[in-house]
């Protein structure tokens, strides 16, 4: 093995697992892009050469030796243009870090001093980087140049991501790996709680479920449906209980892992920060942000109508943005207005689309114009975020989503689901997977003719197949599996998946 590259491996057990992977496969070089500085010392003993890039430095444009890298040429620029739009959307995650970036680099003076003709006191107390579009474009092009140079000059065997790329640098790396036919290793969660699957292509998450499902159909009388995961999830849906991640922070049986921060500032730094003008300015901006969020929330609720549950309607849910569930897993419908517009255009007469915003969304990344645009569609109505989702599912004719939980909740209750994104549910034979106008039009005809109802017994078998192909590595639920068992399982499954990819080469 020549070179491995790992990007933002921040989830539970991934740091320890990548160390074991490097020990077993002994690449000559490991290129690390992420926050885990202590990983370097741990790998040194293996004899693998380590090259490390700090993710904070990269995503905010602090790149050492940039002008020693290969300049972009036609083919690279064409590829960059293909992914540029989604990169800018993913960069929106950086908007609320404008203040924090001044303290993540080792020296704020180094970061801005070269370009500011001011004295040290002014520099340390009054300047916070403000990132306009032109700045973000420069960050994007610089990072693409660096990463493209790495892929051109290094013989990379494998690229490791924590999950489907949800920020712009992992997204660039993922696409460069695909462009250069390099295998990518990532895990993605599936509906069976605590279970994940390995994949090298986020558009084909859990494709192995097809074979498992067909095998279960052939031997359905022998299928064991009495497992804790299966029973608890079906009980949750039948009882109309929201999934754990929508139940707030007080759910007693969920433990979120708090990772140590290698950039923890000293006490003196904290005091200086508290009395700085920057900090006060940051607090004022946060106050204005929450004030704006409250006004936007009130505006949205004023636009909402009470749904007529006895009418013919499709229940469409919006994802939190920016999130991987919309970008990149939403595919070409990452801008969710495109999904609603397509549904509206093909909707049968006398049908309505009830659109419900994600309850956690209203703090960021929406505007008044976003909701007014939805209401320009004559057959679309907005529903309060407080309205019970299961009441809408049970009374709907169908649901629509990119990749959301509402799809499998609906199908478990016998309702068809329009699925616009990439999810393991796309492999269920009765899913309405939409990739374009023809798909949407055909499914709307079935809806109008009252076809497309879900065979619940078949979906139960499919859900069991999902559980069977999933690996019980509950990244976010520390108490569900002990640390020793978890790490051994992670290591074993990584080895197994890598070996499978090696055989395919």
Protein backbone atom coordinates (compact mmCIF):
# COMPACT_ATOMS: atom_id res chain seq x y z
CA UNK A 1 0.00 0.00 0.00
CA UNK A 2 1.26 3.46 -0.91
CA UNK A 3 -0.94 6.19 0.57
CA UNK A 4 -4.12 6.51 2.63
CA UNK A 5 -5.96 9.79 3.14
CA UNK A 6 -8.35 10.37 6.05
CA UNK A 7 -10.74 13.33 6.31
CA UNK A 8 -12.40 14.58 9.50
CA UNK A 9 -12.55 11.19 11.24
CA UNK A 10 -14.23 12.64 14.31
CA UNK A 11 -16.93 10.14 15.25
CA UNK A 12 -16.80 7.64 18.05
CA UNK A 13 -14.00 5.10 17.62
CA UNK A 14 -12.82 6.30 14.21
CA UNK A 15 -9.51 7.67 15.46
CA UNK A 16 -8.65 4.40 17.20
CA UNK A 17 -9.88 2.36 14.23
CA UNK A 18 -7.85 4.22 11.60
CA UNK A 19 -4.75 3.59 13.71
CA UNK A 20 -5.49 -0.15 13.59
CA UNK A 21 -6.13 0.07 9.85
CA UNK A 22 -2.75 1.73 9.30
CA UNK A 23 -1.01 -0.86 11.47
CA UNK A 24 -2.52 -3.74 9.50
CA UNK A 25 -2.13 -2.43 5.93
CA UNK A 26 1.10 -0.44 6.54
CA UNK A 27 0.78 2.29 3.92
CA UNK A 28 4.00 4.17 3.25
CA UNK A 29 2.19 7.45 3.83
CA UNK A 30 -0.91 8.65 5.65
CA UNK A 31 -2.36 12.08 4.86
CA UNK A 32 -4.57 13.38 7.63
CA UNK A 33 -7.10 16.19 7.25
CA UNK A 34 -8.86 16.82 10.53
CA UNK A 35 -8.70 17.93 14.14
CA UNK A 36 -7.14 14.85 15.78
CA UNK A 37 -3.58 16.03 16.40
CA UNK A 38 -2.91 13.22 18.85
CA UNK A 39 -3.39 10.74 16.02
CA UNK A 40 0.01 11.70 14.63
CA UNK A 41 1.95 10.52 17.69
CA UNK A 42 -0.04 7.31 17.86
CA UNK A 43 0.84 6.37 14.28
CA UNK A 44 4.52 7.32 14.42
CA UNK A 45 5.44 3.92 15.84
CA UNK A 46 4.27 2.11 12.69
CA UNK A 47 6.87 3.73 10.44
CA UNK A 48 4.21 5.31 8.24
CA UNK A 49 5.04 8.84 7.14
CA UNK A 50 2.41 11.28 8.41
CA UNK A 51 1.34 14.45 6.63
CA UNK A 52 -1.22 16.46 8.54
CA UNK A 53 -3.47 19.38 7.55
CA UNK A 54 -5.55 21.18 10.14
CA UNK A 55 -9.17 21.33 8.97
CA UNK A 56 -9.81 24.71 10.60
CA UNK A 57 -6.81 26.21 8.83
CA UNK A 58 -7.86 24.82 5.46
CA UNK A 59 -11.51 25.76 5.52
CA UNK A 60 -10.66 29.35 6.45
CA UNK A 61 -7.99 29.73 3.80
CA UNK A 62 -4.77 29.32 5.78
CA UNK A 63 -2.82 26.98 3.50
CA UNK A 64 0.93 26.59 3.85
CA UNK A 65 2.84 26.21 0.59
CA UNK A 66 -0.18 26.74 -1.67
CA UNK A 67 1.84 28.29 -4.46
CA UNK A 68 4.10 25.25 -4.61
CA UNK A 69 1.14 23.12 -5.70
CA UNK A 70 0.07 22.42 -9.27
CA UNK A 71 -2.07 25.27 -10.68
CA UNK A 72 -5.57 24.36 -11.86
CA UNK A 73 -5.95 23.52 -15.55
CA UNK A 74 -8.93 22.97 -17.86
CA UNK A 75 -9.98 19.49 -16.72
CA UNK A 76 -9.63 20.40 -13.03
CA UNK A 77 -11.54 23.67 -13.43
CA UNK A 78 -14.34 21.85 -15.28
CA UNK A 79 -14.59 19.36 -12.42
CA UNK A 80 -14.55 22.14 -9.83
CA UNK A 81 -17.37 23.91 -11.67
CA UNK A 82 -19.44 20.72 -11.48
CA UNK A 83 -19.29 20.64 -7.67
CA UNK A 84 -18.93 24.36 -6.96
CA UNK A 85 -22.61 25.09 -6.29
CA UNK A 86 -22.99 22.48 -3.58
CA UNK A 87 -19.65 23.50 -2.07
CA UNK A 88 -20.96 27.03 -1.50
CA UNK A 89 -24.09 25.66 0.14
CA UNK A 90 -22.01 23.45 2.41
CA UNK A 91 -19.83 26.45 3.24
CA UNK A 92 -22.88 28.04 4.86
CA UNK A 93 -21.93 25.93 7.87
CA UNK A 94 -19.04 28.36 8.35
CA UNK A 95 -21.22 31.47 8.51
CA UNK A 96 -21.67 31.34 12.26
CA UNK A 97 -17.97 30.69 12.87
CA UNK A 98 -16.90 34.17 11.76
CA UNK A 99 -15.91 35.06 15.30
CA UNK A 100 -14.46 31.72 16.36
CA UNK A 101 -11.99 31.49 13.50
CA UNK A 102 -9.98 34.35 14.97
CA UNK A 103 -9.14 32.08 17.91
CA UNK A 104 -8.70 28.70 16.20
CA UNK A 105 -5.48 29.62 14.42
CA UNK A 106 -2.31 29.68 16.48
CA UNK A 107 -1.93 33.39 15.91
CA UNK A 108 -4.62 35.83 14.86
CA UNK A 109 -1.82 38.33 14.26
CA UNK A 110 -0.27 35.91 11.76
CA UNK A 111 -3.64 35.43 10.10
CA UNK A 112 -4.39 39.07 9.33
CA UNK A 113 -1.26 41.01 10.23
CA UNK A 114 0.30 40.67 6.82
CA UNK A 115 -2.50 42.68 5.29
CA UNK A 116 -3.39 45.17 8.04
CA UNK A 117 -1.37 48.35 8.61
CA UNK A 118 -2.50 48.76 12.22
CA UNK A 119 -0.81 48.37 15.58
CA UNK A 120 -0.93 45.18 17.63
CA UNK A 121 -3.53 46.42 20.11
CA UNK A 122 -5.97 47.37 17.41
CA UNK A 123 -5.31 44.14 15.60
CA UNK A 124 -5.97 41.91 18.60
CA UNK A 125 -9.01 43.77 19.88
CA UNK A 126 -11.01 45.09 16.99
CA UNK A 127 -10.73 42.92 13.90
CA UNK A 128 -12.79 39.83 13.22
CA UNK A 129 -12.65 38.26 9.75
CA UNK A 130 -15.82 38.87 7.76
CA UNK A 131 -16.31 36.38 4.96
CA UNK A 132 -18.08 37.66 1.88
CA UNK A 133 -18.77 35.60 -1.24
CA UNK A 134 -15.45 36.52 -2.83
CA UNK A 135 -13.62 35.25 0.28
CA UNK A 136 -15.48 31.95 0.22
CA UNK A 137 -14.76 31.56 -3.48
CA UNK A 138 -11.04 32.06 -2.78
CA UNK A 139 -11.15 29.50 0.06
CA UNK A 140 -12.87 27.00 -2.22
CA UNK A 141 -10.49 27.43 -5.15
CA UNK A 142 -7.41 27.35 -2.92
CA UNK A 143 -8.52 24.16 -1.16
CA UNK A 144 -9.45 22.51 -4.42
CA UNK A 145 -6.01 23.38 -5.79
CA UNK A 146 -4.24 21.88 -2.76
CA UNK A 147 -6.36 18.73 -2.68
CA UNK A 148 -6.21 18.26 -6.44
CA UNK A 149 -2.42 18.50 -6.20
CA UNK A 150 -2.39 15.78 -3.53
CA UNK A 151 -4.48 13.45 -5.69
CA UNK A 152 -2.30 14.11 -8.73
CA UNK A 153 1.06 13.65 -7.02
CA UNK A 154 0.32 10.88 -4.51
CA UNK A 155 -0.55 7.30 -5.31
CA UNK A 156 -3.60 7.07 -3.06
CA UNK A 157 -5.07 3.64 -2.39
CA UNK A 158 -7.95 4.50 -0.07
CA UNK A 159 -9.81 7.58 1.09
CA UNK A 160 -11.50 7.44 4.51
CA UNK A 161 -14.42 9.71 5.49
CA UNK A 162 -16.46 9.55 8.69
CA UNK A 163 -19.76 9.55 6.76
CA UNK A 164 -21.35 11.12 3.70
CA UNK A 165 -19.62 14.50 3.29
CA UNK A 166 -21.48 17.22 5.16
CA UNK A 167 -18.99 20.08 4.82
CA UNK A 168 -17.22 21.39 1.79
CA UNK A 169 -13.68 20.01 2.24
CA UNK A 170 -14.78 16.37 2.72
CA UNK A 171 -17.11 16.93 -0.25
CA UNK A 172 -14.18 18.04 -2.42
CA UNK A 173 -12.10 15.04 -1.28
CA UNK A 174 -14.97 12.62 -1.97
CA UNK A 175 -15.45 13.95 -5.49
CA UNK A 176 -11.72 14.01 -6.27
CA UNK A 177 -11.48 10.39 -5.14
CA UNK A 178 -14.38 9.47 -7.45
CA UNK A 179 -12.82 11.44 -10.32
CA UNK A 180 -9.54 9.55 -9.88
CA UNK A 181 -11.21 6.11 -9.37
CA UNK A 182 -9.98 5.84 -5.79
CA UNK A 183 -12.01 3.74 -3.38
CA UNK A 184 -13.67 5.67 -0.57
CA UNK A 185 -14.58 4.09 2.77
CA UNK A 186 -17.39 5.69 4.78
CA UNK A 187 -20.23 4.61 7.03
CA UNK A 188 -23.81 5.84 6.95
CA UNK A 189 -26.67 5.37 9.39
CA UNK A 190 -29.79 3.44 8.38
CA UNK A 191 -33.30 3.35 9.91
CA UNK A 192 -32.48 0.49 12.32
CA UNK A 193 -31.38 2.45 15.38
CA UNK A 194 -27.67 2.28 16.17
CA UNK A 195 -26.94 0.44 12.92
CA UNK A 196 -24.78 1.66 10.07
CA UNK A 197 -23.59 0.31 6.74
CA UNK A 198 -20.28 0.66 4.96
CA UNK A 199 -20.26 2.08 1.46
CA UNK A 200 -17.91 3.60 -1.07
CA UNK A 201 -20.71 5.52 -2.83
CA UNK A 202 -23.25 7.56 -0.89
CA UNK A 203 -25.74 7.31 -3.78
CA UNK A 204 -25.89 3.53 -3.18
CA UNK A 205 -26.22 3.38 0.60
CA UNK A 206 -27.07 -0.15 1.69
CA UNK A 207 -27.47 -1.62 -1.80
CA UNK A 208 -26.74 -5.04 -0.30
CA UNK A 209 -30.22 -4.94 1.27
CA UNK A 210 -31.71 -6.05 -2.07
CA UNK A 211 -30.16 -9.52 -1.89
CA UNK A 212 -30.95 -9.85 1.82
CA UNK A 213 -34.57 -8.84 1.25
CA UNK A 214 -35.01 -11.34 -1.59
CA UNK A 215 -33.55 -14.11 0.59
CA UNK A 216 -35.95 -13.24 3.42
CA UNK A 217 -38.92 -13.23 1.04
CA UNK A 218 -38.02 -16.76 -0.03
CA UNK A 219 -37.86 -17.99 3.59
CA UNK A 220 -40.30 -15.63 5.29
CA UNK A 221 -41.74 -18.32 7.57
CA UNK A 222 -38.31 -18.68 9.19
CA UNK A 223 -37.58 -14.97 9.68
CA UNK A 224 -37.06 -13.90 13.30
CA UNK A 225 -38.89 -10.60 13.72
CA UNK A 226 -38.57 -10.64 17.52
CA UNK A 227 -35.45 -8.53 17.99
CA UNK A 228 -35.09 -5.53 20.27
CA UNK A 229 -34.25 -3.10 17.44
CA UNK A 230 -37.11 -4.31 15.24
CA UNK A 231 -39.71 -4.37 18.00
CA UNK A 232 -38.77 -1.02 19.53
CA UNK A 233 -38.89 0.77 16.18
CA UNK A 234 -42.21 -0.71 15.14
CA UNK A 235 -43.65 0.03 18.57
CA UNK A 236 -42.45 3.65 18.26
CA UNK A 237 -44.17 4.08 14.88
CA UNK A 238 -47.44 2.38 15.90
CA UNK A 239 -47.58 4.55 19.04
CA UNK A 240 -46.87 7.70 17.03
CA UNK A 241 -43.70 8.58 18.95
CA UNK A 242 -41.12 10.88 17.39
CA UNK A 243 -37.64 9.46 16.71
CA UNK A 244 -35.04 10.02 19.42
CA UNK A 245 -33.28 12.91 17.62
CA UNK A 246 -36.52 14.93 17.50
CA UNK A 247 -37.36 14.46 21.18
CA UNK A 248 -35.10 17.17 22.56
CA UNK A 249 -32.12 16.94 24.88
CA UNK A 250 -33.83 15.34 27.87
CA UNK A 251 -34.14 11.77 26.65
CA UNK A 252 -32.49 9.86 29.48
CA UNK A 253 -31.30 6.85 27.50
CA UNK A 254 -29.31 8.85 24.95
CA UNK A 255 -25.74 9.87 25.66
CA UNK A 256 -24.02 12.21 23.26
CA UNK A 257 -20.26 11.86 23.29
CA UNK A 258 -18.27 14.96 24.22
CA UNK A 259 -14.96 14.86 22.44
CA UNK A 260 -11.96 16.59 23.96
CA UNK A 261 -10.95 19.84 22.32
CA UNK A 262 -7.24 19.94 21.34
CA UNK A 263 -7.54 23.71 20.91
CA UNK A 264 -8.60 24.39 24.49
CA UNK A 265 -7.46 27.94 25.32
CA UNK A 266 -5.56 28.92 28.45
CA UNK A 267 -7.20 30.82 31.34
CA UNK A 268 -5.42 34.04 30.31
CA UNK A 269 -6.70 33.63 26.76
CA UNK A 270 -10.23 33.15 28.08
CA UNK A 271 -10.02 36.34 30.17
CA UNK A 272 -8.66 38.34 27.24
CA UNK A 273 -11.44 37.00 25.09
CA UNK A 274 -14.17 37.94 27.59
CA UNK A 275 -13.05 41.58 27.77
CA UNK A 276 -12.33 42.02 24.05
CA UNK A 277 -14.44 44.14 21.75
CA UNK A 278 -14.56 41.16 19.41
CA UNK A 279 -16.29 39.06 22.04
CA UNK A 280 -18.87 41.72 22.84
CA UNK A 281 -19.48 42.18 19.14
CA UNK A 282 -19.92 38.42 18.79
CA UNK A 283 -22.46 38.35 21.64
CA UNK A 284 -24.37 41.21 20.06
CA UNK A 285 -24.45 39.37 16.76
CA UNK A 286 -25.73 36.24 18.49
CA UNK A 287 -28.45 38.26 20.17
CA UNK A 288 -29.45 39.73 16.81
CA UNK A 289 -29.36 36.25 15.30
CA UNK A 290 -31.71 34.78 17.90
CA UNK A 291 -33.94 37.83 17.69
CA UNK A 292 -34.15 37.38 13.93
CA UNK A 293 -34.83 33.66 14.40
CA UNK A 294 -37.73 34.38 16.71
CA UNK A 295 -39.19 36.87 14.24
CA UNK A 296 -38.79 34.38 11.40
CA UNK A 297 -40.41 31.65 13.48
CA UNK A 298 -43.37 33.92 14.21
CA UNK A 299 -43.60 34.89 10.54
CA UNK A 300 -43.66 31.23 9.48
CA UNK A 301 -46.37 30.37 12.01
CA UNK A 302 -48.49 33.30 10.80
CA UNK A 303 -48.35 31.85 7.29
CA UNK A 304 -49.46 28.41 8.46
CA UNK A 305 -52.95 27.05 8.03
CA UNK A 306 -54.82 24.33 9.87
CA UNK A 307 -54.78 21.24 7.66
CA UNK A 308 -58.01 19.65 6.49
CA UNK A 309 -57.28 16.06 7.44
CA UNK A 310 -60.28 14.82 5.47
CA UNK A 311 -59.04 16.27 2.19
CA UNK A 312 -56.74 14.71 -0.40
CA UNK A 313 -53.20 15.80 0.37
CA UNK A 314 -49.52 14.90 0.24
CA UNK A 315 -47.53 15.54 3.38
CA UNK A 316 -44.07 16.94 2.52
CA UNK A 317 -41.40 17.49 5.14
CA UNK A 318 -38.41 19.81 4.87
CA UNK A 319 -34.95 18.80 6.07
CA UNK A 320 -32.68 20.79 8.33
CA UNK A 321 -30.24 22.76 6.19
CA UNK A 322 -27.40 22.65 5.60
CA UNK A 323 -27.17 18.96 6.51
CA UNK A 324 -26.00 15.86 4.70
CA UNK A 325 -29.63 14.66 4.51
CA UNK A 326 -30.25 17.40 1.95
CA UNK A 327 -26.73 18.02 0.61
CA UNK A 328 -25.35 15.74 -0.70
CA UNK A 329 -27.87 12.95 -0.01
CA UNK A 330 -30.70 14.97 -1.57
CA UNK A 331 -28.91 14.68 -4.91
CA UNK A 332 -30.19 17.16 -7.48
CA UNK A 333 -32.99 18.13 -5.10
CA UNK A 334 -30.69 19.44 -2.38
CA UNK A 335 -32.53 22.73 -2.86
CA UNK A 336 -35.81 21.47 -1.43
CA UNK A 337 -37.92 24.06 -3.22
CA UNK A 338 -37.17 22.07 -6.40
CA UNK A 339 -38.84 19.02 -4.83
CA UNK A 340 -41.95 21.00 -3.83
CA UNK A 341 -42.17 22.67 -7.25
CA UNK A 342 -42.05 19.30 -9.04
CA UNK A 343 -44.71 17.83 -6.76
CA UNK A 344 -46.88 20.91 -7.27
CA UNK A 345 -46.59 20.79 -11.06
CA UNK A 346 -47.68 17.13 -11.34
CA UNK A 347 -50.18 17.12 -8.46
CA UNK A 348 -53.69 15.87 -9.35
CA UNK A 349 -56.49 18.43 -9.23
CA UNK A 350 -58.16 18.96 -5.85
CA UNK A 351 -55.02 17.69 -4.09
CA UNK A 352 -52.99 19.87 -1.75
CA UNK A 353 -49.39 19.67 -0.58
CA UNK A 354 -49.01 20.31 3.14
CA UNK A 355 -45.42 21.40 3.77
CA UNK A 356 -44.04 21.26 7.28
CA UNK A 357 -40.77 22.91 8.26
CA UNK A 358 -38.20 21.08 10.36
CA UNK A 359 -38.73 22.32 13.95
CA UNK A 360 -34.96 22.82 14.37
CA UNK A 361 -34.56 24.75 11.12
CA UNK A 362 -35.88 28.12 12.09
CA UNK A 363 -32.65 29.32 13.67
CA UNK A 364 -30.60 29.41 10.46
CA UNK A 365 -30.50 29.29 6.69
CA UNK A 366 -34.06 30.33 5.84
CA UNK A 367 -35.58 33.66 4.88
CA UNK A 368 -38.98 35.24 4.58
CA UNK A 369 -38.67 34.97 0.81
CA UNK A 370 -38.15 31.20 1.07
CA UNK A 371 -41.59 30.68 2.59
CA UNK A 372 -43.28 33.23 0.37
CA UNK A 373 -41.85 31.41 -2.65
CA UNK A 374 -43.46 28.16 -1.49
CA UNK A 375 -46.79 29.90 -1.07
CA UNK A 376 -46.65 31.21 -4.64
CA UNK A 377 -47.47 27.63 -5.62
CA UNK A 378 -51.30 27.52 -5.70
CA UNK A 379 -51.66 24.02 -4.25
CA UNK A 380 -49.14 24.37 -1.39
CA UNK A 381 -49.92 25.24 2.22
CA UNK A 382 -47.60 25.55 5.20
CA UNK A 383 -48.31 23.62 8.40
CA UNK A 384 -47.22 24.58 11.90
CA UNK A 385 -44.12 22.84 13.21
CA UNK A 386 -46.14 21.91 16.31
CA UNK A 387 -48.71 19.89 14.37
CA UNK A 388 -48.40 16.18 15.07
CA UNK A 389 -46.51 14.48 12.25
CA UNK A 390 -48.24 11.13 12.67
CA UNK A 391 -51.68 12.73 12.33
CA UNK A 392 -50.54 14.11 8.99
CA UNK A 393 -49.05 10.76 7.91
CA UNK A 394 -52.13 8.77 8.86
CA UNK A 395 -54.54 11.08 7.02
CA UNK A 396 -52.36 11.72 3.96
CA UNK A 397 -52.57 9.97 0.62
CA UNK A 398 -48.77 9.92 0.46
CA UNK A 399 -45.71 11.59 1.96
CA UNK A 400 -42.76 13.24 0.22
CA UNK A 401 -39.20 13.74 1.41
CA UNK A 402 -35.60 13.71 0.27
CA UNK A 403 -34.25 11.09 2.69
CA UNK A 404 -36.29 11.64 5.83
CA UNK A 405 -37.55 9.30 8.52
CA UNK A 406 -41.10 10.23 7.51
CA UNK A 407 -40.74 7.93 4.47
CA UNK A 408 -40.30 4.72 6.40
CA UNK A 409 -42.76 5.82 9.09
CA UNK A 410 -45.35 6.27 6.34
CA UNK A 411 -44.57 2.98 4.60
CA UNK A 412 -44.72 1.16 7.93
CA UNK A 413 -48.27 2.53 8.21
CA UNK A 414 -49.16 1.52 4.65
CA UNK A 415 -48.75 4.92 2.98
CA UNK A 416 -46.71 5.44 -0.22
CA UNK A 417 -43.70 7.72 -0.09
CA UNK A 418 -42.10 9.93 -2.75
CA UNK A 419 -38.34 9.69 -2.17
CA UNK A 420 -36.21 12.28 -3.97
CA UNK A 421 -32.79 11.57 -2.41
CA UNK A 422 -30.39 8.71 -1.75
CA UNK A 423 -31.41 6.40 1.07
CA UNK A 424 -31.53 2.67 1.70
CA UNK A 425 -35.32 2.93 1.29
CA UNK A 426 -34.84 3.51 -2.44
CA UNK A 427 -34.29 -0.24 -2.79
CA UNK A 428 -37.74 -1.19 -1.51
CA UNK A 429 -39.79 -2.32 -4.49
CA UNK A 430 -42.81 -0.18 -3.56
CA UNK A 431 -40.95 3.09 -2.90
CA UNK A 432 -41.76 5.95 -5.26
CA UNK A 433 -38.22 7.02 -6.11
CA UNK A 434 -38.19 10.27 -8.08
CA UNK A 435 -35.22 11.27 -10.23
CA UNK A 436 -37.12 13.42 -12.74
CA UNK A 437 -40.46 14.60 -14.13
CA UNK A 438 -41.40 11.27 -15.71
CA UNK A 439 -41.04 9.46 -12.38
CA UNK A 440 -43.08 12.07 -10.55
CA UNK A 441 -45.81 12.15 -13.20
CA UNK A 442 -46.18 8.36 -13.27
CA UNK A 443 -46.42 8.09 -9.50
CA UNK A 444 -48.98 10.90 -9.38
CA UNK A 445 -51.13 8.91 -11.81
CA UNK A 446 -50.95 5.95 -9.44
CA UNK A 447 -51.88 8.24 -6.57
CA UNK A 448 -54.89 9.61 -8.47
CA UNK A 449 -56.02 6.07 -9.29
CA UNK A 450 -55.61 5.12 -5.60
CA UNK A 451 -52.79 2.72 -6.36
CA UNK A 452 -49.43 2.39 -4.68
CA UNK A 453 -50.57 1.39 -1.21
CA UNK A 454 -47.79 -0.31 0.70
CA UNK A 455 -47.91 -4.01 1.50
CA UNK A 456 -47.07 -3.68 5.20
CA UNK A 457 -45.95 -7.30 5.54
CA UNK A 458 -43.48 -6.82 2.68
CA UNK A 459 -42.20 -3.63 4.26
CA UNK A 460 -41.77 -5.38 7.60
CA UNK A 461 -39.61 -7.94 5.84
CA UNK A 462 -37.67 -5.15 4.13
CA UNK A 463 -37.09 -3.40 7.45
CA UNK A 464 -35.84 -6.69 8.89
CA UNK A 465 -33.46 -6.94 5.92
CA UNK A 466 -32.21 -3.43 6.77
CA UNK A 467 -31.48 -4.54 10.32
CA UNK A 468 -29.70 -7.66 9.07
CA UNK A 469 -27.34 -5.85 6.69
CA UNK A 470 -26.62 -3.11 9.22
CA UNK A 471 -23.74 -3.27 11.65
CA UNK A 472 -24.44 -2.47 15.26
CA UNK A 473 -21.95 0.38 15.73
CA UNK A 474 -24.03 3.04 17.52
CA UNK A 475 -21.75 6.02 16.99
CA UNK A 476 -23.99 8.41 18.93
CA UNK A 477 -25.22 6.07 21.67
CA UNK A 478 -22.31 5.36 23.96
CA UNK A 479 -24.29 3.36 26.50
CA UNK A 480 -25.71 0.86 24.00
CA UNK A 481 -22.42 -0.97 23.40
CA UNK A 482 -19.37 -1.04 25.66
CA UNK A 483 -16.27 0.74 24.40
CA UNK A 484 -14.21 -2.47 24.07
CA UNK A 485 -16.94 -4.29 22.14
CA UNK A 486 -17.57 -1.21 20.01
CA UNK A 487 -13.92 -0.71 19.02
CA UNK A 488 -13.40 -4.41 18.24
CA UNK A 489 -16.50 -4.40 16.09
CA UNK A 490 -15.43 -1.21 14.29
CA UNK A 491 -11.96 -2.64 13.59
CA UNK A 492 -13.31 -5.95 12.34
CA UNK A 493 -15.86 -4.35 10.03
CA UNK A 494 -13.37 -1.85 8.62
CA UNK A 495 -10.94 -4.69 7.84
CA UNK A 496 -13.70 -6.72 6.22
CA UNK A 497 -14.90 -3.87 4.00
CA UNK A 498 -11.37 -2.83 2.97
CA UNK A 499 -10.53 -6.43 2.07
CA UNK A 500 -13.66 -6.60 -0.10
CA UNK A 501 -12.61 -3.46 -1.95
CA UNK A 502 -9.08 -4.83 -2.42
CA UNK A 503 -10.53 -7.96 -4.03
CA UNK A 504 -12.50 -5.79 -6.46
CA UNK A 505 -9.38 -3.99 -7.69
